[in-house]
C-alpha atoms as a PDB file:
ATOM      1  CA  MET A   1     134.640  95.752  36.582  1.00  0.00           C
ATOM      2  CA  ARG A   2     131.689  97.555  38.079  1.00  0.00           C
ATOM      3  CA  ARG A   3     131.767  98.389  41.993  1.00  0.00           C
ATOM      4  CA  ARG A   4     128.792  97.014  43.674  1.00  0.00           C
ATOM      5  CA  THR A   5     127.228  99.487  45.960  1.00  0.00           C
ATOM      6  CA  VAL A   6     125.178  98.541  48.933  1.00  0.00           C
ATOM      7  CA  SER A   7     121.949 100.731  49.182  1.00  0.00           C
ATOM      8  CA  PRO A   8     121.330 102.349  52.666  1.00  0.00           C
ATOM      9  CA  ASP A   9     117.963 100.284  53.026  1.00  0.00           C
ATOM     10  CA  ARG A  10     120.082  97.226  52.800  1.00  0.00           C
ATOM     11  CA  ARG A  11     122.546  98.279  55.526  1.00  0.00           C
ATOM     12  CA  GLU A  12     119.976  99.313  58.032  1.00  0.00           C
ATOM     13  CA  ALA A  13     117.769  96.024  57.358  1.00  0.00           C
ATOM     14  CA  GLY A  14     118.515  94.643  60.926  1.00  0.00           C
ATOM     15  CA  MET A  15     118.056  97.743  62.790  1.00  0.00           C
ATOM     16  CA  VAL A  16     114.245  97.182  63.050  1.00  0.00           C
ATOM     17  CA  THR A  17     114.564  93.887  64.689  1.00  0.00           C
ATOM     18  CA  ALA A  18     117.297  95.282  67.297  1.00  0.00           C
ATOM     19  CA  GLU A  19     114.925  98.141  68.017  1.00  0.00           C
ATOM     20  CA  ALA A  20     111.884  95.995  68.520  1.00  0.00           C
ATOM     21  CA  ALA A  21     114.094  93.688  70.812  1.00  0.00           C
ATOM     22  CA  VAL A  22     114.814  96.882  72.931  1.00  0.00           C
ATOM     23  CA  VAL A  23     111.400  98.092  72.959  1.00  0.00           C
ATOM     24  CA  LEU A  24     109.274  95.315  73.517  1.00  0.00           C
ATOM     25  CA  PRO A  25     110.218  94.512  76.983  1.00  0.00           C
ATOM     26  CA  VAL A  26     109.396  98.143  77.956  1.00  0.00           C
ATOM     27  CA  LEU A  27     106.135  97.964  76.339  1.00  0.00           C
ATOM     28  CA  VAL A  28     105.173  94.871  78.250  1.00  0.00           C
ATOM     29  CA  LEU A  29     106.408  96.566  81.722  1.00  0.00           C
ATOM     30  CA  VAL A  30     104.091  99.668  80.760  1.00  0.00           C
ATOM     31  CA  LEU A  31     101.122  97.368  79.859  1.00  0.00           C
ATOM     32  CA  ALA A  32     101.697  95.332  82.881  1.00  0.00           C
ATOM     33  CA  ALA A  33     101.742  98.660  85.183  1.00  0.00           C
ATOM     34  CA  VAL A  34      98.462  99.942  83.588  1.00  0.00           C
ATOM     35  CA  VAL A  35      96.596  96.554  84.047  1.00  0.00           C
ATOM     36  CA  SER A  36      97.878  96.576  87.702  1.00  0.00           C
ATOM     37  CA  ALA A  37      96.536 100.239  88.264  1.00  0.00           C
ATOM     38  CA  VAL A  38      93.342  99.303  86.615  1.00  0.00           C
ATOM     39  CA  VAL A  39      92.940  96.189  89.050  1.00  0.00           C
ATOM     40  CA  VAL A  40      93.778  98.326  92.213  1.00  0.00           C
ATOM     41  CA  VAL A  41      91.592 101.209  91.284  1.00  0.00           C
ATOM     42  CA  GLY A  42      88.677  98.820  90.470  1.00  0.00           C
ATOM     43  CA  ALA A  43      89.141  96.996  93.937  1.00  0.00           C
ATOM     44  CA  HIS A  44      89.193 100.429  95.623  1.00  0.00           C
ATOM     45  CA  LEU A  45      85.878 101.431  93.873  1.00  0.00           C
ATOM     46  CA  ARG A  46      84.199  98.033  94.857  1.00  0.00           C
ATOM     47  CA  CYS A  47      85.425  98.872  98.603  1.00  0.00           C
ATOM     48  CA  VAL A  48      83.818 102.310  98.223  1.00  0.00           C
ATOM     49  CA  ASP A  49      80.332 100.811  96.930  1.00  0.00           C
ATOM     50  CA  ALA A  50      80.556  98.084  99.457  1.00  0.00           C
ATOM     51  CA  ALA A  51      80.859 100.542 102.331  1.00  0.00           C
ATOM     52  CA  ARG A  52      78.124 102.754 101.071  1.00  0.00           C
ATOM     53  CA  GLU A  53      75.764  99.868 100.628  1.00  0.00           C
ATOM     54  CA  GLY A  54      76.666  98.804 104.143  1.00  0.00           C
ATOM     55  CA  ALA A  55      76.330 102.191 105.688  1.00  0.00           C
ATOM     56  CA  ARG A  56      72.789 102.618 103.957  1.00  0.00           C
ATOM     57  CA  ALA A  57      71.552  99.262 105.371  1.00  0.00           C
ATOM     58  CA  ALA A  58      72.912  99.850 108.842  1.00  0.00           C
ATOM     59  CA  ALA A  59      71.243 103.268 108.962  1.00  0.00           C
ATOM     60  CA  ARG A  60      68.173 101.460 107.939  1.00  0.00           C
ATOM     61  CA  GLY A  61      68.267  99.425 111.130  1.00  0.00           C
ATOM     62  CA  GLU A  62      69.796  96.038 109.701  1.00  0.00           C
ATOM     63  CA  ASP A  63      71.979  94.206 111.990  1.00  0.00           C
ATOM     64  CA  ALA A  64      75.528  93.885 111.728  1.00  0.00           C
ATOM     65  CA  ALA A  65      75.642  90.526 110.227  1.00  0.00           C
ATOM     66  CA  GLN A  66      73.278  91.525 107.534  1.00  0.00           C
ATOM     67  CA  VAL A  67      75.374  94.686 106.974  1.00  0.00           C
ATOM     68  CA  ARG A  68      78.497  92.502 106.526  1.00  0.00           C
ATOM     69  CA  ALA A  69      76.624  90.059 104.243  1.00  0.00           C
ATOM     70  CA  LEU A  70      75.475  92.957 101.962  1.00  0.00           C
ATOM     71  CA  ALA A  71      78.972  94.699 101.860  1.00  0.00           C
ATOM     72  CA  ALA A  72      80.522  91.024 101.086  1.00  0.00           C
ATOM     73  CA  ARG A  73      78.530  90.780  97.945  1.00  0.00           C
ATOM     74  CA  VAL A  74      79.818  93.868  96.809  1.00  0.00           C
ATOM     75  CA  ALA A  75      83.349  94.042  97.942  1.00  0.00           C
ATOM     76  CA  PRO A  76      86.439  92.260  96.468  1.00  0.00           C
ATOM     77  CA  ASP A  77      86.924  88.496  97.487  1.00  0.00           C
ATOM     78  CA  GLY A  78      88.504  88.435 100.980  1.00  0.00           C
ATOM     79  CA  ALA A  79      87.529  91.765 102.025  1.00  0.00           C
ATOM     80  CA  VAL A  80      86.992  92.465 105.742  1.00  0.00           C
ATOM     81  CA  THR A  81      84.010  94.804 106.991  1.00  0.00           C
ATOM     82  CA  ALA A  82      83.656  96.498 110.133  1.00  0.00           C
ATOM     83  CA  VAL A  83      80.418  98.141 111.401  1.00  0.00           C
ATOM     84  CA  VAL A  84      80.564 100.651 114.258  1.00  0.00           C
ATOM     85  CA  VAL A  85      77.550 102.470 115.482  1.00  0.00           C
ATOM     86  CA  ALA A  86      78.551 105.959 117.600  1.00  0.00           C
ATOM     87  CA  GLY A  87      75.741 108.032 118.768  1.00  0.00           C
ATOM     88  CA  GLU A  88      73.441 108.758 115.992  1.00  0.00           C
ATOM     89  CA  GLU A  89      75.860 107.608 113.166  1.00  0.00           C
ATOM     90  CA  VAL A  90      77.072 104.370 111.877  1.00  0.00           C
ATOM     91  CA  ARG A  91      80.430 103.907 110.117  1.00  0.00           C
ATOM     92  CA  VAL A  92      81.132 100.967 107.712  1.00  0.00           C
ATOM     93  CA  THR A  93      84.756 100.367 106.775  1.00  0.00           C
ATOM     94  CA  VAL A  94      85.628  97.821 104.068  1.00  0.00           C
ATOM     95  CA  GLY A  95      89.150  96.708 103.601  1.00  0.00           C
ATOM     96  CA  ALA A  96      90.902  94.160 101.223  1.00  0.00           C
ATOM     97  CA  SER A  97      94.238  93.079  99.938  1.00  0.00           C
ATOM     98  CA  VAL A  98      94.661  92.810  96.102  1.00  0.00           C
ATOM     99  CA  ALA A  99      97.466  91.191  94.132  1.00  0.00           C
ATOM    100  CA  PRO A 100      97.216  93.455  91.075  1.00  0.00           C
ATOM    101  CA  LEU A 101      98.586  90.672  88.743  1.00  0.00           C
ATOM    102  CA  GLY A 102      97.482  87.639  90.634  1.00  0.00           C
ATOM    103  CA  VAL A 103     100.908  87.249  91.845  1.00  0.00           C
ATOM    104  CA  GLY A 104     103.504  89.380  93.649  1.00  0.00           C
ATOM    105  CA  PRO A 105     103.070  91.766  96.764  1.00  0.00           C
ATOM    106  CA  ALA A 106      99.515  92.704  97.550  1.00  0.00           C
ATOM    107  CA  VAL A 107      98.270  96.087  97.861  1.00  0.00           C
ATOM    108  CA  GLY A 108      95.704  97.152 100.457  1.00  0.00           C
ATOM    109  CA  VAL A 109      92.678  99.016  99.423  1.00  0.00           C
ATOM    110  CA  GLY A 110      89.746 100.245 101.583  1.00  0.00           C
ATOM    111  CA  ALA A 111      87.087 102.827 102.077  1.00  0.00           C
ATOM    112  CA  SER A 112      84.749 103.922 104.854  1.00  0.00           C
ATOM    113  CA  ALA A 113      81.188 105.354 104.849  1.00  0.00           C
ATOM    114  CA  VAL A 114      79.214 107.190 107.481  1.00  0.00           C
ATOM    115  CA  ALA A 115      75.490 107.542 107.445  1.00  0.00           C
ATOM    116  CA  ARG A 116      73.158 109.066 109.997  1.00  0.00           C
ATOM    117  CA  LEU A 117      70.728 106.394 111.479  1.00  0.00           C
ATOM    118  CA  GLU A 118      66.913 106.918 110.473  1.00  0.00           C
ATOM    119  CA  PRO A 119      64.517 107.994 112.824  1.00  0.00           C
ATOM    120  CA  GLY A 120      63.279 105.459 115.017  1.00  0.00           C
ATOM    121  CA  VAL A 121      66.295 103.229 114.701  1.00  0.00           C
ATOM    122  CA  ALA A 122      67.849 102.456 117.886  1.00  0.00           C
ATOM    123  CA  ALA A 123      71.507 103.139 118.263  1.00  0.00           C
ATOM    124  CA  GLY A 124      73.821 100.534 119.502  1.00  0.00           C
END
């Protein structure tokens, strides 16, 4: 009687499934972390842009309500804008809370921009 041998490929046939079952959750977590980082960085950049736009508008002499409205168009949803005029400078600060994956804890992002008032614009 011939002895039947099992080829090495046949013995390891289930290993690919086991390895995939172990690696797949890790890949999903890494993907979620990358997506979260991109969302947070994007929101931060929107805050930076909103603060800059607001500071430029305030330096030109726009009133605080118009500056806030302009910043709100650029900023992430739910952002808060503060406008402070001190001396010959104006500081616009934009802050927001962002839930990276739409659920879970929110991350605070924000930015400030300072601009010098244009000549002829009254401080205060």
